[in-house]
C-alpha cells in the first residue's frame, strides 16, 4: 500500500468514526471505542489513524487485534471492502 492509498484509507476511517454513535474518546491519532469483542462500559479499544494500516484496532482490555474490515461491521460502520 503506497502513501496515497494509506491517506485515502485514513480519511475514510476518520469519516466513519465521526458517524459512530457509541462512546468514543479521541487521544492524538487514536480514537478509543468500547470493544465489540467483550462487554465493557469504558472505551478500551483503540482505532489507529497513522501507521501502515489505518483503522487497525487493538483492545487494551481483552488484547484483541483486528483490521478495519473486520472491526468496522461490529461497530456498525462500513468496511473498506463491501
PDB file of N, CA and C in Angstrom:
ATOM      1  N   UNK A   1       0.857  -1.170   0.000  1.00  0.00           N
ATOM      2  CA  UNK A   1       0.000   0.000   0.000  1.00  0.00           C
ATOM      3  C   UNK A   1       0.903   1.233   0.000  1.00  0.00           C
ATOM      4  N   UNK A   2       0.689   2.120  -0.959  1.00  0.00           N
ATOM      5  CA  UNK A   2       1.507   3.326  -1.047  1.00  0.00           C
ATOM      6  C   UNK A   2       0.936   4.432  -0.145  1.00  0.00           C
ATOM      7  N   UNK A   3       1.659   5.542  -0.062  1.00  0.00           N
ATOM      8  CA  UNK A   3       1.279   6.643   0.827  1.00  0.00           C
ATOM      9  C   UNK A   3      -0.080   7.241   0.464  1.00  0.00           C
ATOM     10  N   UNK A   4      -0.389   7.339  -0.813  1.00  0.00           N
ATOM     11  CA  UNK A   4      -1.676   7.896  -1.240  1.00  0.00           C
ATOM     12  C   UNK A   4      -2.824   6.995  -0.789  1.00  0.00           C
ATOM     13  N   UNK A   5      -2.671   5.703  -0.946  1.00  0.00           N
ATOM     14  CA  UNK A   5      -3.717   4.764  -0.515  1.00  0.00           C
ATOM     15  C   UNK A   5      -3.887   4.794   0.999  1.00  0.00           C
ATOM     16  N   UNK A   6      -2.792   4.879   1.755  1.00  0.00           N
ATOM     17  CA  UNK A   6      -2.881   4.999   3.219  1.00  0.00           C
ATOM     18  C   UNK A   6      -3.636   6.259   3.603  1.00  0.00           C
ATOM     19  N   UNK A   7      -3.357   7.367   2.911  1.00  0.00           N
ATOM     20  CA  UNK A   7      -4.041   8.629   3.192  1.00  0.00           C
ATOM     21  C   UNK A   7      -5.536   8.511   2.902  1.00  0.00           C
ATOM     22  N   UNK A   8      -5.895   7.900   1.795  1.00  0.00           N
ATOM     23  CA  UNK A   8      -7.314   7.707   1.455  1.00  0.00           C
ATOM     24  C   UNK A   8      -8.015   6.844   2.499  1.00  0.00           C
ATOM     25  N   UNK A   9      -7.352   5.784   2.893  1.00  0.00           N
ATOM     26  CA  UNK A   9      -7.949   4.898   3.896  1.00  0.00           C
ATOM     27  C   UNK A   9      -8.098   5.597   5.243  1.00  0.00           C
ATOM     28  N   UNK A  10      -7.097   6.384   5.635  1.00  0.00           N
ATOM     29  CA  UNK A  10      -7.183   7.122   6.896  1.00  0.00           C
ATOM     30  C   UNK A  10      -8.347   8.107   6.852  1.00  0.00           C
ATOM     31  N   UNK A  11      -8.534   8.799   5.746  1.00  0.00           N
ATOM     32  CA  UNK A  11      -9.664   9.726   5.599  1.00  0.00           C
ATOM     33  C   UNK A  11     -10.993   8.984   5.695  1.00  0.00           C
ATOM     34  N   UNK A  12     -11.077   7.818   5.047  1.00  0.00           N
ATOM     35  CA  UNK A  12     -12.290   7.008   5.087  1.00  0.00           C
ATOM     36  C   UNK A  12     -12.611   6.591   6.529  1.00  0.00           C
ATOM     37  N   UNK A  13     -11.601   6.122   7.253  1.00  0.00           N
ATOM     38  CA  UNK A  13     -11.801   5.680   8.632  1.00  0.00           C
ATOM     39  C   UNK A  13     -12.222   6.858   9.505  1.00  0.00           C
ATOM     40  N   UNK A  14     -11.575   8.003   9.360  1.00  0.00           N
ATOM     41  CA  UNK A  14     -11.956   9.189  10.147  1.00  0.00           C
ATOM     42  C   UNK A  14     -13.424   9.547   9.899  1.00  0.00           C
ATOM     43  N   UNK A  15     -13.831   9.515   8.638  1.00  0.00           N
ATOM     44  CA  UNK A  15     -15.216   9.817   8.284  1.00  0.00           C
ATOM     45  C   UNK A  15     -16.170   8.816   8.934  1.00  0.00           C
ATOM     46  N   UNK A  16     -15.823   7.554   8.913  1.00  0.00           N
ATOM     47  CA  UNK A  16     -16.666   6.530   9.521  1.00  0.00           C
ATOM     48  C   UNK A  16     -16.742   6.717  11.040  1.00  0.00           C
ATOM     49  N   UNK A  17     -15.632   7.024  11.677  1.00  0.00           N
ATOM     50  CA  UNK A  17     -15.616   7.198  13.130  1.00  0.00           C
ATOM     51  C   UNK A  17     -16.458   8.401  13.541  1.00  0.00           C
ATOM     52  N   UNK A  18     -16.499   9.439  12.714  1.00  0.00           N
ATOM     53  CA  UNK A  18     -17.371  10.585  13.007  1.00  0.00           C
ATOM     54  C   UNK A  18     -18.832  10.148  13.074  1.00  0.00           C
ATOM     55  N   UNK A  19     -19.201   9.134  12.322  1.00  0.00           N
ATOM     56  CA  UNK A  19     -20.574   8.625  12.293  1.00  0.00           C
ATOM     57  C   UNK A  19     -20.876   7.665  13.444  1.00  0.00           C
ATOM     58  N   UNK A  20     -19.846   7.200  14.116  1.00  0.00           N
ATOM     59  CA  UNK A  20     -20.020   6.240  15.208  1.00  0.00           C
ATOM     60  C   UNK A  20     -20.792   6.888  16.339  1.00  0.00           C
ATOM     61  N   UNK A  21     -21.874   6.238  16.774  1.00  0.00           N
ATOM     62  CA  UNK A  21     -22.750   6.830  17.789  1.00  0.00           C
ATOM     63  C   UNK A  21     -22.454   6.357  19.205  1.00  0.00           C
ATOM     64  N   UNK A  22     -21.559   5.391  19.361  1.00  0.00           N
ATOM     65  CA  UNK A  22     -21.219   4.888  20.691  1.00  0.00           C
ATOM     66  C   UNK A  22     -20.233   5.801  21.410  1.00  0.00           C
ATOM     67  N   UNK A  23     -19.862   5.393  22.614  1.00  0.00           N
ATOM     68  CA  UNK A  23     -18.876   6.150  23.385  1.00  0.00           C
ATOM     69  C   UNK A  23     -17.552   6.135  22.645  1.00  0.00           C
ATOM     70  N   UNK A  24     -16.914   7.297  22.608  1.00  0.00           N
ATOM     71  CA  UNK A  24     -15.588   7.368  22.000  1.00  0.00           C
ATOM     72  C   UNK A  24     -14.786   8.476  22.652  1.00  0.00           C
ATOM     73  N   UNK A  25     -13.483   8.322  22.560  1.00  0.00           N
ATOM     74  CA  UNK A  25     -12.558   9.290  23.158  1.00  0.00           C
ATOM     75  C   UNK A  25     -11.374   9.418  22.210  1.00  0.00           C
ATOM     76  N   UNK A  26     -11.125  10.643  21.739  1.00  0.00           N
ATOM     77  CA  UNK A  26     -10.005  10.885  20.824  1.00  0.00           C
ATOM     78  C   UNK A  26      -8.775  11.223  21.650  1.00  0.00           C
ATOM     79  N   UNK A  27      -7.675  10.558  21.319  1.00  0.00           N
ATOM     80  CA  UNK A  27      -6.410  10.784  22.019  1.00  0.00           C
ATOM     81  C   UNK A  27      -5.300  10.762  20.974  1.00  0.00           C
ATOM     82  N   UNK A  28      -4.905  11.938  20.517  1.00  0.00           N
ATOM     83  CA  UNK A  28      -3.885  12.027  19.479  1.00  0.00           C
ATOM     84  C   UNK A  28      -4.406  11.447  18.176  1.00  0.00           C
ATOM     85  N   UNK A  29      -3.671  10.514  17.595  1.00  0.00           N
ATOM     86  CA  UNK A  29      -4.089   9.897  16.336  1.00  0.00           C
ATOM     87  C   UNK A  29      -4.887   8.616  16.563  1.00  0.00           C
ATOM     88  N   UNK A  30      -5.291   8.383  17.811  1.00  0.00           N
ATOM     89  CA  UNK A  30      -6.100   7.209  18.139  1.00  0.00           C
ATOM     90  C   UNK A  30      -7.482   7.647  18.600  1.00  0.00           C
ATOM     91  N   UNK A  31      -8.464   6.827  18.288  1.00  0.00           N
ATOM     92  CA  UNK A  31      -9.805   7.015  18.828  1.00  0.00           C
ATOM     93  C   UNK A  31     -10.150   5.751  19.593  1.00  0.00           C
ATOM     94  N   UNK A  32     -10.522   5.921  20.857  1.00  0.00           N
ATOM     95  CA  UNK A  32     -10.901   4.790  21.694  1.00  0.00           C
ATOM     96  C   UNK A  32     -12.407   4.610  21.651  1.00  0.00           C
ATOM     97  N   UNK A  33     -12.833   3.365  21.476  1.00  0.00           N
ATOM     98  CA  UNK A  33     -14.245   2.991  21.469  1.00  0.00           C
ATOM     99  C   UNK A  33     -14.424   1.794  22.398  1.00  0.00           C
ATOM    100  N   UNK A  34     -15.666   1.520  22.771  1.00  0.00           N
ATOM    101  CA  UNK A  34     -15.922   0.313  23.548  1.00  0.00           C
ATOM    102  C   UNK A  34     -15.670  -0.890  22.651  1.00  0.00           C
ATOM    103  N   UNK A  35     -14.960  -1.843  23.159  1.00  0.00           N
ATOM    104  CA  UNK A  35     -14.564  -3.024  22.390  1.00  0.00           C
ATOM    105  C   UNK A  35     -15.780  -3.863  22.017  1.00  0.00           C
ATOM    106  N   UNK A  36     -15.932  -4.165  20.729  1.00  0.00           N
ATOM    107  CA  UNK A  36     -17.058  -5.000  20.319  1.00  0.00           C
ATOM    108  C   UNK A  36     -16.820  -6.499  20.560  1.00  0.00           C
ATOM    109  N   UNK A  37     -15.648  -6.854  21.093  1.00  0.00           N
ATOM    110  CA  UNK A  37     -15.313  -8.255  21.315  1.00  0.00           C
ATOM    111  C   UNK A  37     -15.527  -8.706  22.756  1.00  0.00           C
ATOM    112  N   UNK A  38     -15.760  -7.760  23.658  1.00  0.00           N
ATOM    113  CA  UNK A  38     -16.107  -8.116  25.035  1.00  0.00           C
ATOM    114  C   UNK A  38     -16.981  -7.009  25.617  1.00  0.00           C
ATOM    115  N   UNK A  39     -17.677  -7.299  26.686  1.00  0.00           N
ATOM    116  CA  UNK A  39     -18.588  -6.349  27.306  1.00  0.00           C
ATOM    117  C   UNK A  39     -17.812  -5.356  28.174  1.00  0.00           C
ATOM    118  N   UNK A  40     -18.090  -4.069  27.954  1.00  0.00           N
ATOM    119  CA  UNK A  40     -17.444  -3.034  28.775  1.00  0.00           C
ATOM    120  C   UNK A  40     -18.241  -1.742  28.673  1.00  0.00           C
ATOM    121  N   UNK A  41     -17.989  -0.829  29.614  1.00  0.00           N
ATOM    122  CA  UNK A  41     -18.660   0.467  29.624  1.00  0.00           C
ATOM    123  C   UNK A  41     -17.718   1.621  29.334  1.00  0.00           C
ATOM    124  N   UNK A  42     -16.420   1.373  29.433  1.00  0.00           N
ATOM    125  CA  UNK A  42     -15.416   2.407  29.202  1.00  0.00           C
ATOM    126  C   UNK A  42     -14.595   2.032  27.972  1.00  0.00           C
ATOM    127  N   UNK A  43     -14.443   2.942  27.015  1.00  0.00           N
ATOM    128  CA  UNK A  43     -13.698   2.617  25.790  1.00  0.00           C
ATOM    129  C   UNK A  43     -12.252   2.174  26.069  1.00  0.00           C
ATOM    130  N   UNK A  44     -11.935   0.961  25.651  1.00  0.00           N
ATOM    131  CA  UNK A  44     -10.565   0.460  25.798  1.00  0.00           C
ATOM    132  C   UNK A  44     -10.013  -0.042  24.464  1.00  0.00           C
ATOM    133  N   UNK A  45     -10.798   0.081  23.404  1.00  0.00           N
ATOM    134  CA  UNK A  45     -10.366  -0.361  22.088  1.00  0.00           C
ATOM    135  C   UNK A  45      -9.876   0.819  21.268  1.00  0.00           C
ATOM    136  N   UNK A  46      -8.636   0.761  20.826  1.00  0.00           N
ATOM    137  CA  UNK A  46      -8.030   1.869  20.086  1.00  0.00           C
ATOM    138  C   UNK A  46      -8.089   1.614  18.582  1.00  0.00           C
ATOM    139  N   UNK A  47      -8.550   2.604  17.840  1.00  0.00           N
ATOM    140  CA  UNK A  47      -8.504   2.612  16.380  1.00  0.00           C
ATOM    141  C   UNK A  47      -7.393   3.573  15.993  1.00  0.00           C
ATOM    142  N   UNK A  48      -6.432   3.096  15.247  1.00  0.00           N
ATOM    143  CA  UNK A  48      -5.254   3.883  14.893  1.00  0.00           C
ATOM    144  C   UNK A  48      -5.425   4.508  13.505  1.00  0.00           C
ATOM    145  N   UNK A  49      -5.109   5.794  13.391  1.00  0.00           N
ATOM    146  CA  UNK A  49      -5.219   6.502  12.119  1.00  0.00           C
ATOM    147  C   UNK A  49      -3.895   6.593  11.386  1.00  0.00           C
ATOM    148  N   UNK A  50      -2.795   6.465  12.100  1.00  0.00           N
ATOM    149  CA  UNK A  50      -1.481   6.580  11.465  1.00  0.00           C
ATOM    150  C   UNK A  50      -0.867   5.200  11.297  1.00  0.00           C
ATOM    151  N   UNK A  51       0.295   5.152  10.747  1.00  0.00           N
ATOM    152  CA  UNK A  51       0.972   3.874  10.564  1.00  0.00           C
ATOM    153  C   UNK A  51       0.645   3.232   9.226  1.00  0.00           C
ATOM    154  N   UNK A  52       1.049   2.000   9.080  1.00  0.00           N
ATOM    155  CA  UNK A  52       0.899   1.291   7.805  1.00  0.00           C
ATOM    156  C   UNK A  52      -0.530   0.884   7.495  1.00  0.00           C
ATOM    157  N   UNK A  53      -1.344   0.664   8.523  1.00  0.00           N
ATOM    158  CA  UNK A  53      -2.695   0.153   8.315  1.00  0.00           C
ATOM    159  C   UNK A  53      -3.730   1.017   9.040  1.00  0.00           C
ATOM    160  N   UNK A  54      -4.174   2.118   8.422  1.00  0.00           N
ATOM    161  CA  UNK A  54      -5.202   2.960   9.052  1.00  0.00           C
ATOM    162  C   UNK A  54      -6.441   2.138   9.391  1.00  0.00           C
ATOM    163  N   UNK A  55      -6.983   2.380  10.576  1.00  0.00           N
ATOM    164  CA  UNK A  55      -8.156   1.647  11.023  1.00  0.00           C
ATOM    165  C   UNK A  55      -7.822   0.403  11.809  1.00  0.00           C
ATOM    166  N   UNK A  56      -6.526   0.144  12.014  1.00  0.00           N
ATOM    167  CA  UNK A  56      -6.132  -1.015  12.829  1.00  0.00           C
ATOM    168  C   UNK A  56      -6.708  -0.847  14.231  1.00  0.00           C
ATOM    169  N   UNK A  57      -7.106  -1.959  14.822  1.00  0.00           N
ATOM    170  CA  UNK A  57      -7.762  -1.958  16.123  1.00  0.00           C
ATOM    171  C   UNK A  57      -6.962  -2.786  17.115  1.00  0.00           C
ATOM    172  N   UNK A  58      -6.844  -2.277  18.336  1.00  0.00           N
ATOM    173  CA  UNK A  58      -6.249  -3.040  19.435  1.00  0.00           C
ATOM    174  C   UNK A  58      -7.021  -2.721  20.701  1.00  0.00           C
ATOM    175  N   UNK A  59      -7.476  -3.763  21.401  1.00  0.00           N
ATOM    176  CA  UNK A  59      -8.161  -3.568  22.677  1.00  0.00           C
ATOM    177  C   UNK A  59      -7.172  -3.778  23.814  1.00  0.00           C
ATOM    178  N   UNK A  60      -7.077  -2.776  24.669  1.00  0.00           N
ATOM    179  CA  UNK A  60      -6.194  -2.870  25.825  1.00  0.00           C
ATOM    180  C   UNK A  60      -6.851  -3.644  26.959  1.00  0.00           C
ATOM    181  N   UNK A  61      -8.146  -3.956  26.820  1.00  0.00           N
ATOM    182  CA  UNK A  61      -8.845  -4.742  27.829  1.00  0.00           C
ATOM    183  C   UNK A  61      -8.698  -6.238  27.602  1.00  0.00           C
ATOM    184  N   UNK A  62      -9.044  -6.700  26.399  1.00  0.00           N
ATOM    185  CA  UNK A  62      -9.017  -8.147  26.126  1.00  0.00           C
ATOM    186  C   UNK A  62      -7.861  -8.573  25.225  1.00  0.00           C
ATOM    187  N   UNK A  63      -7.150  -7.604  24.639  1.00  0.00           N
ATOM    188  CA  UNK A  63      -5.993  -7.924  23.815  1.00  0.00           C
ATOM    189  C   UNK A  63      -6.295  -8.225  22.349  1.00  0.00           C
ATOM    190  N   UNK A  64      -7.550  -8.107  21.938  1.00  0.00           N
ATOM    191  CA  UNK A  64      -7.931  -8.409  20.553  1.00  0.00           C
ATOM    192  C   UNK A  64      -7.307  -7.406  19.591  1.00  0.00           C
ATOM    193  N   UNK A  65      -6.769  -7.907  18.487  1.00  0.00           N
ATOM    194  CA  UNK A  65      -6.263  -7.084  17.393  1.00  0.00           C
ATOM    195  C   UNK A  65      -7.095  -7.402  16.159  1.00  0.00           C
ATOM    196  N   UNK A  66      -7.401  -6.379  15.353  1.00  0.00           N
ATOM    197  CA  UNK A  66      -8.190  -6.600  14.137  1.00  0.00           C
ATOM    198  C   UNK A  66      -7.895  -5.499  13.135  1.00  0.00           C
ATOM    199  N   UNK A  67      -8.098  -5.824  11.871  1.00  0.00           N
ATOM    200  CA  UNK A  67      -8.004  -4.817  10.813  1.00  0.00           C
ATOM    201  C   UNK A  67      -9.377  -4.181  10.642  1.00  0.00           C
ATOM    202  N   UNK A  68      -9.401  -3.036   9.973  1.00  0.00           N
ATOM    203  CA  UNK A  68     -10.625  -2.268   9.813  1.00  0.00           C
ATOM    204  C   UNK A  68     -11.770  -3.094   9.228  1.00  0.00           C
ATOM    205  N   UNK A  69     -11.505  -3.868   8.194  1.00  0.00           N
ATOM    206  CA  UNK A  69     -12.575  -4.628   7.545  1.00  0.00           C
ATOM    207  C   UNK A  69     -13.245  -5.628   8.484  1.00  0.00           C
ATOM    208  N   UNK A  70     -12.547  -6.058   9.514  1.00  0.00           N
ATOM    209  CA  UNK A  70     -13.132  -6.983  10.490  1.00  0.00           C
ATOM    210  C   UNK A  70     -13.890  -6.249  11.583  1.00  0.00           C
ATOM    211  N   UNK A  71     -13.327  -5.167  12.092  1.00  0.00           N
ATOM    212  CA  UNK A  71     -13.928  -4.488  13.243  1.00  0.00           C
ATOM    213  C   UNK A  71     -15.050  -3.518  12.848  1.00  0.00           C
ATOM    214  N   UNK A  72     -14.974  -2.904  11.679  1.00  0.00           N
ATOM    215  CA  UNK A  72     -15.967  -1.904  11.277  1.00  0.00           C
ATOM    216  C   UNK A  72     -17.401  -2.422  11.351  1.00  0.00           C
ATOM    217  N   UNK A  73     -17.723  -3.576  10.758  1.00  0.00           N
ATOM    218  CA  UNK A  73     -19.104  -4.054  10.843  1.00  0.00           C
ATOM    219  C   UNK A  73     -19.571  -4.309  12.278  1.00  0.00           C
ATOM    220  N   UNK A  74     -18.655  -4.708  13.146  1.00  0.00           N
ATOM    221  CA  UNK A  74     -19.007  -4.942  14.550  1.00  0.00           C
ATOM    222  C   UNK A  74     -19.342  -3.638  15.266  1.00  0.00           C
ATOM    223  N   UNK A  75     -18.845  -2.513  14.732  1.00  0.00           N
ATOM    224  CA  UNK A  75     -19.139  -1.195  15.292  1.00  0.00           C
ATOM    225  C   UNK A  75     -20.283  -0.511  14.554  1.00  0.00           C
ATOM    226  N   UNK A  76     -20.851  -1.183  13.567  1.00  0.00           N
ATOM    227  CA  UNK A  76     -21.931  -0.597  12.782  1.00  0.00           C
ATOM    228  C   UNK A  76     -21.432   0.373  11.724  1.00  0.00           C
ATOM    229  N   UNK A  77     -20.176   0.208  11.301  1.00  0.00           N
ATOM    230  CA  UNK A  77     -19.556   1.106  10.321  1.00  0.00           C
ATOM    231  C   UNK A  77     -19.224   0.334   9.044  1.00  0.00           C
ATOM    232  N   UNK A  78     -18.855   1.062   8.009  1.00  0.00           N
ATOM    233  CA  UNK A  78     -18.571   0.460   6.707  1.00  0.00           C
ATOM    234  C   UNK A  78     -17.113  -0.013   6.623  1.00  0.00           C
ATOM    235  N   UNK A  79     -16.886  -1.208   6.129  1.00  0.00           N
ATOM    236  CA  UNK A  79     -15.511  -1.676   5.867  1.00  0.00           C
ATOM    237  C   UNK A  79     -14.989  -1.063   4.571  1.00  0.00           C
ATOM    238  N   UNK A  80     -13.701  -1.225   4.318  1.00  0.00           N
ATOM    239  CA  UNK A  80     -13.133  -0.769   3.042  1.00  0.00           C
ATOM    240  C   UNK A  80     -13.761  -1.537   1.882  1.00  0.00           C
ATOM    241  N   UNK A  81     -13.880  -2.852   2.072  1.00  0.00           N
ATOM    242  CA  UNK A  81     -14.390  -3.733   1.013  1.00  0.00           C
ATOM    243  C   UNK A  81     -15.771  -4.228   1.400  1.00  0.00           C
ATOM    244  N   UNK A  82     -16.747  -3.967   0.580  1.00  0.00           N
ATOM    245  CA  UNK A  82     -18.122  -4.380   0.885  1.00  0.00           C
ATOM    246  C   UNK A  82     -18.473  -5.641   0.204  1.00  0.00           C
TER     247      UNK A  82
END
